[in-house]
Amino acid sequence: MKKIILLCSFMSVLLFLLCSPLIAADYEDEEYEEDESISTTATAISRGKVGLGFGIPYGVLGANVEVGLNDIISLCAGVGIYPSGNDVDNFSDLEIGYAVGGRIYFAPRKSHFRPRISLLRATVAINKSTDSFIDGFAPGLGLDWKFSHKWGMDFDLLYPIYDKPKGTHQEGGAVKISIGFGYYFGKIAKKAVIVEEEDDEESEEE
């Protein structure tokens, strides 16, 4: 399983490098003139994100979709695969993992960096004696890094909470790491009207 995690990490870094030209894209608001005295600034804000990664939010190794209800609260769901059986490095027997829950952000959706807390109900461990998944809760801290208009990455540290029957297998330490690479969708357009200074000067002369 460690080889799979290392491979996923390498692929995430590779995808980041391939999309590096997007990082240098113009991140300023788009402006255009409606007439000689008024200009309008349009700001695009993403409604949600779909991504690939590994960790509890991705059903161990899979995909995750997140939809923002507002600037602070969002809902998310993920589904993925994980090997069952006594040999966790053997992918001949694959089981389906899942994750559903919500997130609270500490920055608006237009921000490049959005710290957050998460609470998920998800697949968190394997019972080796029965070759079955164990469901539990996974609260944690994370960060959404939006490095362009359409692309970003997720980082989370989660602490699984669940009943541990005999034969339960849990890799790594008590805190689980999650990393993902995502695409933002569903733009919300917001506009602000700006009156040029010339109009203010003319009104003062009158």
C-alpha atoms as a PDB file:
ATOM      1  CA  MET A   1       0.000   0.000   0.000  1.00  0.00           C
ATOM      2  CA  LYS A   2       2.921   2.323   0.650  1.00  0.00           C
ATOM      3  CA  LYS A   3       3.942   1.968  -3.002  1.00  0.00           C
ATOM      4  CA  ILE A   4       0.463   3.018  -4.093  1.00  0.00           C
ATOM      5  CA  ILE A   5       0.537   6.084  -1.835  1.00  0.00           C
ATOM      6  CA  LEU A   6       3.973   7.083  -3.152  1.00  0.00           C
ATOM      7  CA  LEU A   7       2.731   6.638  -6.726  1.00  0.00           C
ATOM      8  CA  CYS A   8      -0.297   8.844  -6.047  1.00  0.00           C
ATOM      9  CA  SER A   9       1.935  11.498  -4.505  1.00  0.00           C
ATOM     10  CA  PHE A  10       4.196  11.426  -7.561  1.00  0.00           C
ATOM     11  CA  MET A  11       1.196  11.729  -9.907  1.00  0.00           C
ATOM     12  CA  SER A  12      -0.163  14.703  -7.941  1.00  0.00           C
ATOM     13  CA  VAL A  13       3.180  16.502  -8.177  1.00  0.00           C
ATOM     14  CA  LEU A  14       3.425  15.664 -11.887  1.00  0.00           C
ATOM     15  CA  LEU A  15      -0.049  17.030 -12.606  1.00  0.00           C
ATOM     16  CA  PHE A  16       0.829  20.166 -10.647  1.00  0.00           C
ATOM     17  CA  LEU A  17       3.945  20.708 -12.755  1.00  0.00           C
ATOM     18  CA  LEU A  18       2.040  20.117 -15.987  1.00  0.00           C
ATOM     19  CA  CYS A  19      -0.468  22.771 -14.963  1.00  0.00           C
ATOM     20  CA  SER A  20       2.175  25.224 -13.748  1.00  0.00           C
ATOM     21  CA  PRO A  21       1.481  27.708 -16.596  1.00  0.00           C
ATOM     22  CA  LEU A  22      -1.950  28.189 -15.051  1.00  0.00           C
ATOM     23  CA  ILE A  23      -0.364  29.406 -11.835  1.00  0.00           C
ATOM     24  CA  ALA A  24       1.031  32.412 -13.657  1.00  0.00           C
ATOM     25  CA  ALA A  25      -2.364  33.221 -15.200  1.00  0.00           C
ATOM     26  CA  ASP A  26      -3.761  36.670 -14.597  1.00  0.00           C
ATOM     27  CA  TYR A  27      -5.708  36.476 -11.342  1.00  0.00           C
ATOM     28  CA  GLU A  28      -7.017  40.048 -11.444  1.00  0.00           C
ATOM     29  CA  ASP A  29     -10.681  40.787 -11.931  1.00  0.00           C
ATOM     30  CA  GLU A  30     -11.785  41.274 -15.533  1.00  0.00           C
ATOM     31  CA  GLU A  31     -12.828  44.828 -16.303  1.00  0.00           C
ATOM     32  CA  TYR A  32     -14.695  46.247 -19.254  1.00  0.00           C
ATOM     33  CA  GLU A  33     -16.440  49.575 -20.012  1.00  0.00           C
ATOM     34  CA  GLU A  34     -20.162  49.918 -20.531  1.00  0.00           C
ATOM     35  CA  ASP A  35     -19.914  53.651 -21.386  1.00  0.00           C
ATOM     36  CA  GLU A  36     -17.525  56.541 -20.944  1.00  0.00           C
ATOM     37  CA  SER A  37     -18.208  57.088 -17.236  1.00  0.00           C
ATOM     38  CA  ILE A  38     -18.948  53.637 -15.757  1.00  0.00           C
ATOM     39  CA  SER A  39     -16.889  50.449 -15.688  1.00  0.00           C
ATOM     40  CA  THR A  40     -17.953  47.049 -14.390  1.00  0.00           C
ATOM     41  CA  THR A  41     -15.755  44.552 -12.553  1.00  0.00           C
ATOM     42  CA  ALA A  42     -16.767  40.905 -12.904  1.00  0.00           C
ATOM     43  CA  THR A  43     -15.556  38.321 -10.390  1.00  0.00           C
ATOM     44  CA  ALA A  44     -15.967  34.577 -10.953  1.00  0.00           C
ATOM     45  CA  ILE A  45     -16.353  32.409  -7.860  1.00  0.00           C
ATOM     46  CA  SER A  46     -16.407  28.609  -8.008  1.00  0.00           C
ATOM     47  CA  ARG A  47     -19.426  26.832  -6.596  1.00  0.00           C
ATOM     48  CA  GLY A  48     -17.703  23.479  -6.112  1.00  0.00           C
ATOM     49  CA  LYS A  49     -14.857  21.144  -6.975  1.00  0.00           C
ATOM     50  CA  VAL A  50     -14.335  17.601  -8.225  1.00  0.00           C
ATOM     51  CA  GLY A  51     -11.005  15.874  -7.685  1.00  0.00           C
ATOM     52  CA  LEU A  52      -8.881  12.745  -7.438  1.00  0.00           C
ATOM     53  CA  GLY A  53      -6.687  11.756  -4.524  1.00  0.00           C
ATOM     54  CA  PHE A  54      -6.004   9.364  -1.699  1.00  0.00           C
ATOM     55  CA  GLY A  55      -7.081   9.391   1.903  1.00  0.00           C
ATOM     56  CA  ILE A  56     -10.333   9.164   3.825  1.00  0.00           C
ATOM     57  CA  PRO A  57     -12.190  11.940   1.880  1.00  0.00           C
ATOM     58  CA  TYR A  58     -11.528   9.978  -1.343  1.00  0.00           C
ATOM     59  CA  GLY A  59     -12.771   6.603  -0.107  1.00  0.00           C
ATOM     60  CA  VAL A  60      -9.071   5.695   0.403  1.00  0.00           C
ATOM     61  CA  LEU A  61      -8.085   5.949  -3.295  1.00  0.00           C
ATOM     62  CA  GLY A  62     -10.639   7.575  -5.585  1.00  0.00           C
ATOM     63  CA  ALA A  63     -12.677  10.697  -6.310  1.00  0.00           C
ATOM     64  CA  ASN A  64     -14.362  13.414  -4.269  1.00  0.00           C
ATOM     65  CA  VAL A  65     -17.019  16.030  -5.106  1.00  0.00           C
ATOM     66  CA  GLU A  66     -17.613  19.144  -3.004  1.00  0.00           C
ATOM     67  CA  VAL A  67     -20.405  21.722  -3.354  1.00  0.00           C
ATOM     68  CA  GLY A  68     -20.396  24.989  -1.429  1.00  0.00           C
ATOM     69  CA  LEU A  69     -23.663  26.089   0.159  1.00  0.00           C
ATOM     70  CA  ASN A  70     -22.147  29.514   0.823  1.00  0.00           C
ATOM     71  CA  ASP A  71     -18.729  31.041   1.550  1.00  0.00           C
ATOM     72  CA  ILE A  72     -18.427  29.146   4.829  1.00  0.00           C
ATOM     73  CA  ILE A  73     -20.210  25.766   4.608  1.00  0.00           C
ATOM     74  CA  SER A  74     -19.877  23.024   1.994  1.00  0.00           C
ATOM     75  CA  LEU A  75     -20.960  19.405   1.561  1.00  0.00           C
ATOM     76  CA  CYS A  76     -18.738  16.682   0.121  1.00  0.00           C
ATOM     77  CA  ALA A  77     -18.838  13.010  -0.870  1.00  0.00           C
ATOM     78  CA  GLY A  78     -16.177  10.605  -2.054  1.00  0.00           C
ATOM     79  CA  VAL A  79     -15.881   7.045  -3.337  1.00  0.00           C
ATOM     80  CA  GLY A  80     -12.804   4.908  -3.916  1.00  0.00           C
ATOM     81  CA  ILE A  81     -11.165   1.491  -3.748  1.00  0.00           C
ATOM     82  CA  TYR A  82      -9.092  -0.357  -1.176  1.00  0.00           C
ATOM     83  CA  PRO A  83      -7.717  -3.919  -1.141  1.00  0.00           C
ATOM     84  CA  SER A  84      -9.466  -6.416   1.088  1.00  0.00           C
ATOM     85  CA  GLY A  85      -8.064  -9.671   2.432  1.00  0.00           C
ATOM     86  CA  ASN A  86      -5.181 -10.320   4.779  1.00  0.00           C
ATOM     87  CA  ASP A  87      -2.609  -8.969   2.311  1.00  0.00           C
ATOM     88  CA  VAL A  88      -3.395  -5.271   1.943  1.00  0.00           C
ATOM     89  CA  ASP A  89      -0.837  -4.998  -0.894  1.00  0.00           C
ATOM     90  CA  ASN A  90      -2.834  -7.413  -3.038  1.00  0.00           C
ATOM     91  CA  PHE A  91      -5.341  -5.660  -5.302  1.00  0.00           C
ATOM     92  CA  SER A  92      -6.898  -8.884  -6.585  1.00  0.00           C
ATOM     93  CA  ASP A  93      -9.780  -8.264  -4.164  1.00  0.00           C
ATOM     94  CA  LEU A  94     -11.009  -4.681  -4.209  1.00  0.00           C
ATOM     95  CA  GLU A  95     -13.608  -3.179  -1.930  1.00  0.00           C
ATOM     96  CA  ILE A  96     -15.409   0.134  -2.250  1.00  0.00           C
ATOM     97  CA  GLY A  97     -14.744   2.834   0.302  1.00  0.00           C
ATOM     98  CA  TYR A  98     -16.796   5.989   0.803  1.00  0.00           C
ATOM     99  CA  ALA A  99     -16.906   9.325   2.597  1.00  0.00           C
ATOM    100  CA  VAL A 100     -19.725  11.823   3.148  1.00  0.00           C
ATOM    101  CA  GLY A 101     -19.815  14.913   5.296  1.00  0.00           C
ATOM    102  CA  GLY A 102     -19.344  18.644   5.544  1.00  0.00           C
ATOM    103  CA  ARG A 103     -16.673  21.313   5.845  1.00  0.00           C
ATOM    104  CA  ILE A 104     -16.483  24.730   7.479  1.00  0.00           C
ATOM    105  CA  TYR A 105     -14.103  27.242   5.877  1.00  0.00           C
ATOM    106  CA  PHE A 106     -12.390  30.235   7.444  1.00  0.00           C
ATOM    107  CA  ALA A 107     -12.003  32.223   4.195  1.00  0.00           C
ATOM    108  CA  PRO A 108     -14.392  33.126   1.333  1.00  0.00           C
ATOM    109  CA  ARG A 109     -14.556  31.114  -1.878  1.00  0.00           C
ATOM    110  CA  LYS A 110     -12.614  33.736  -3.846  1.00  0.00           C
ATOM    111  CA  SER A 111      -9.529  33.250  -1.634  1.00  0.00           C
ATOM    112  CA  HIS A 112      -6.451  31.368  -2.845  1.00  0.00           C
ATOM    113  CA  PHE A 113      -5.914  29.650   0.541  1.00  0.00           C
ATOM    114  CA  ARG A 114      -8.918  28.420   2.532  1.00  0.00           C
ATOM    115  CA  PRO A 115      -8.233  26.749   5.905  1.00  0.00           C
ATOM    116  CA  ARG A 116     -11.052  24.458   7.027  1.00  0.00           C
ATOM    117  CA  ILE A 117     -12.307  21.889   9.471  1.00  0.00           C
ATOM    118  CA  SER A 118     -14.036  18.720   8.263  1.00  0.00           C
ATOM    119  CA  LEU A 119     -16.337  16.106   9.743  1.00  0.00           C
ATOM    120  CA  LEU A 120     -16.794  12.966   7.665  1.00  0.00           C
ATOM    121  CA  ARG A 121     -18.633   9.680   8.015  1.00  0.00           C
ATOM    122  CA  ALA A 122     -16.389   7.331   6.075  1.00  0.00           C
ATOM    123  CA  THR A 123     -14.457   4.111   5.592  1.00  0.00           C
ATOM    124  CA  VAL A 124     -11.639   4.424   8.115  1.00  0.00           C
ATOM    125  CA  ALA A 125     -10.144   0.925   8.675  1.00  0.00           C
ATOM    126  CA  ILE A 126     -10.218  -2.785   7.744  1.00  0.00           C
ATOM    127  CA  ASN A 127     -11.161  -5.722   9.968  1.00  0.00           C
ATOM    128  CA  LYS A 128      -8.682  -8.402   8.834  1.00  0.00           C
ATOM    129  CA  SER A 129     -10.515 -11.182  10.655  1.00  0.00           C
ATOM    130  CA  THR A 130     -13.638 -10.658   8.540  1.00  0.00           C
ATOM    131  CA  ASP A 131     -12.061  -8.911   5.516  1.00  0.00           C
ATOM    132  CA  SER A 132     -14.562  -6.096   5.860  1.00  0.00           C
ATOM    133  CA  PHE A 133     -14.414  -2.329   6.061  1.00  0.00           C
ATOM    134  CA  ILE A 134     -15.081  -0.421   9.257  1.00  0.00           C
ATOM    135  CA  ASP A 135     -17.059   2.798   9.178  1.00  0.00           C
ATOM    136  CA  GLY A 136     -16.449   5.654  11.541  1.00  0.00           C
ATOM    137  CA  PHE A 137     -16.165   9.397  11.939  1.00  0.00           C
ATOM    138  CA  ALA A 138     -13.156  11.417  10.793  1.00  0.00           C
ATOM    139  CA  PRO A 139     -12.859  15.009  12.048  1.00  0.00           C
ATOM    140  CA  GLY A 140      -9.832  16.977  10.946  1.00  0.00           C
ATOM    141  CA  LEU A 141      -8.072  20.117   9.777  1.00  0.00           C
ATOM    142  CA  GLY A 142      -7.274  20.928   6.166  1.00  0.00           C
ATOM    143  CA  LEU A 143      -6.477  23.473   3.470  1.00  0.00           C
ATOM    144  CA  ASP A 144      -7.853  24.176   0.005  1.00  0.00           C
ATOM    145  CA  TRP A 145      -5.170  25.766  -2.188  1.00  0.00           C
ATOM    146  CA  LYS A 146      -6.582  27.375  -5.351  1.00  0.00           C
ATOM    147  CA  PHE A 147      -3.532  28.109  -7.487  1.00  0.00           C
ATOM    148  CA  SER A 148      -5.512  29.095 -10.617  1.00  0.00           C
ATOM    149  CA  HIS A 149      -9.091  29.854 -11.663  1.00  0.00           C
ATOM    150  CA  LYS A 150      -9.845  26.188 -12.376  1.00  0.00           C
ATOM    151  CA  TRP A 151      -7.280  24.055 -10.525  1.00  0.00           C
ATOM    152  CA  GLY A 152      -6.340  23.454  -6.930  1.00  0.00           C
ATOM    153  CA  MET A 153      -5.106  20.988  -4.327  1.00  0.00           C
ATOM    154  CA  ASP A 154      -6.434  19.677  -1.007  1.00  0.00           C
ATOM    155  CA  PHE A 155      -4.477  18.784   2.126  1.00  0.00           C
ATOM    156  CA  ASP A 156      -6.105  17.250   5.214  1.00  0.00           C
ATOM    157  CA  LEU A 157      -5.086  15.741   8.542  1.00  0.00           C
ATOM    158  CA  LEU A 158      -7.878  13.512   9.889  1.00  0.00           C
ATOM    159  CA  TYR A 159      -8.325  11.591  13.123  1.00  0.00           C
ATOM    160  CA  PRO A 160     -10.534   8.472  12.669  1.00  0.00           C
ATOM    161  CA  ILE A 161     -12.909   7.609  15.502  1.00  0.00           C
ATOM    162  CA  TYR A 162     -14.420   4.109  15.457  1.00  0.00           C
ATOM    163  CA  ASP A 163     -14.946   0.909  17.445  1.00  0.00           C
ATOM    164  CA  LYS A 164     -11.942  -1.398  17.038  1.00  0.00           C
ATOM    165  CA  PRO A 165     -12.984  -5.054  16.975  1.00  0.00           C
ATOM    166  CA  LYS A 166     -10.392  -7.815  17.186  1.00  0.00           C
ATOM    167  CA  GLY A 167      -8.360  -8.117  13.980  1.00  0.00           C
ATOM    168  CA  THR A 168      -8.776  -4.501  12.938  1.00  0.00           C
ATOM    169  CA  HIS A 169      -6.015  -3.308  10.651  1.00  0.00           C
ATOM    170  CA  GLN A 170      -4.954   0.336  10.644  1.00  0.00           C
ATOM    171  CA  GLU A 171      -1.912   1.474   8.662  1.00  0.00           C
ATOM    172  CA  GLY A 172       0.241   4.381   9.811  1.00  0.00           C
ATOM    173  CA  GLY A 173      -0.322   6.503  12.880  1.00  0.00           C
ATOM    174  CA  ALA A 174      -3.484   7.717  14.530  1.00  0.00           C
ATOM    175  CA  VAL A 175      -3.636  10.836  12.298  1.00  0.00           C
ATOM    176  CA  LYS A 176      -4.311  10.187   8.607  1.00  0.00           C
ATOM    177  CA  ILE A 177      -3.020  12.306   5.731  1.00  0.00           C
ATOM    178  CA  SER A 178      -5.102  13.081   2.653  1.00  0.00           C
ATOM    179  CA  ILE A 179      -3.918  14.759  -0.556  1.00  0.00           C
ATOM    180  CA  GLY A 180      -5.965  15.520  -3.667  1.00  0.00           C
ATOM    181  CA  PHE A 181      -5.898  17.408  -6.959  1.00  0.00           C
ATOM    182  CA  GLY A 182      -9.136  19.059  -8.157  1.00  0.00           C
ATOM    183  CA  TYR A 183     -10.991  21.041 -10.811  1.00  0.00           C
ATOM    184  CA  TYR A 184     -13.325  23.905  -9.829  1.00  0.00           C
ATOM    185  CA  PHE A 185     -16.740  24.082 -11.497  1.00  0.00           C
ATOM    186  CA  GLY A 186     -19.985  26.065 -11.421  1.00  0.00           C
ATOM    187  CA  LYS A 187     -18.871  29.681 -11.592  1.00  0.00           C
ATOM    188  CA  ILE A 188     -20.898  32.281  -9.675  1.00  0.00           C
ATOM    189  CA  ALA A 189     -20.576  35.661 -11.373  1.00  0.00           C
ATOM    190  CA  LYS A 190     -20.549  38.757  -9.155  1.00  0.00           C
ATOM    191  CA  LYS A 191     -20.352  42.286 -10.534  1.00  0.00           C
ATOM    192  CA  ALA A 192     -19.524  45.668  -9.026  1.00  0.00           C
ATOM    193  CA  VAL A 193     -20.155  48.996 -10.752  1.00  0.00           C
ATOM    194  CA  ILE A 194     -17.376  51.571 -10.430  1.00  0.00           C
ATOM    195  CA  VAL A 195     -17.919  55.242 -11.321  1.00  0.00           C
ATOM    196  CA  GLU A 196     -14.848  56.977 -12.711  1.00  0.00           C
ATOM    197  CA  GLU A 197     -13.295  59.970 -10.939  1.00  0.00           C
ATOM    198  CA  GLU A 198     -14.189  62.376 -13.775  1.00  0.00           C
ATOM    199  CA  ASP A 199     -17.836  62.175 -12.793  1.00  0.00           C
ATOM    200  CA  ASP A 200     -16.964  63.098  -9.215  1.00  0.00           C
ATOM    201  CA  GLU A 201     -14.951  66.124 -10.354  1.00  0.00           C
ATOM    202  CA  GLU A 202     -17.771  67.365 -12.594  1.00  0.00           C
ATOM    203  CA  SER A 203     -20.283  67.082  -9.753  1.00  0.00           C
ATOM    204  CA  GLU A 204     -17.971  69.086  -7.458  1.00  0.00           C
ATOM    205  CA  GLU A 205     -17.618  71.920 -10.058  1.00  0.00           C
ATOM    206  CA  GLU A 206     -21.408  72.187 -10.336  1.00  0.00           C
END
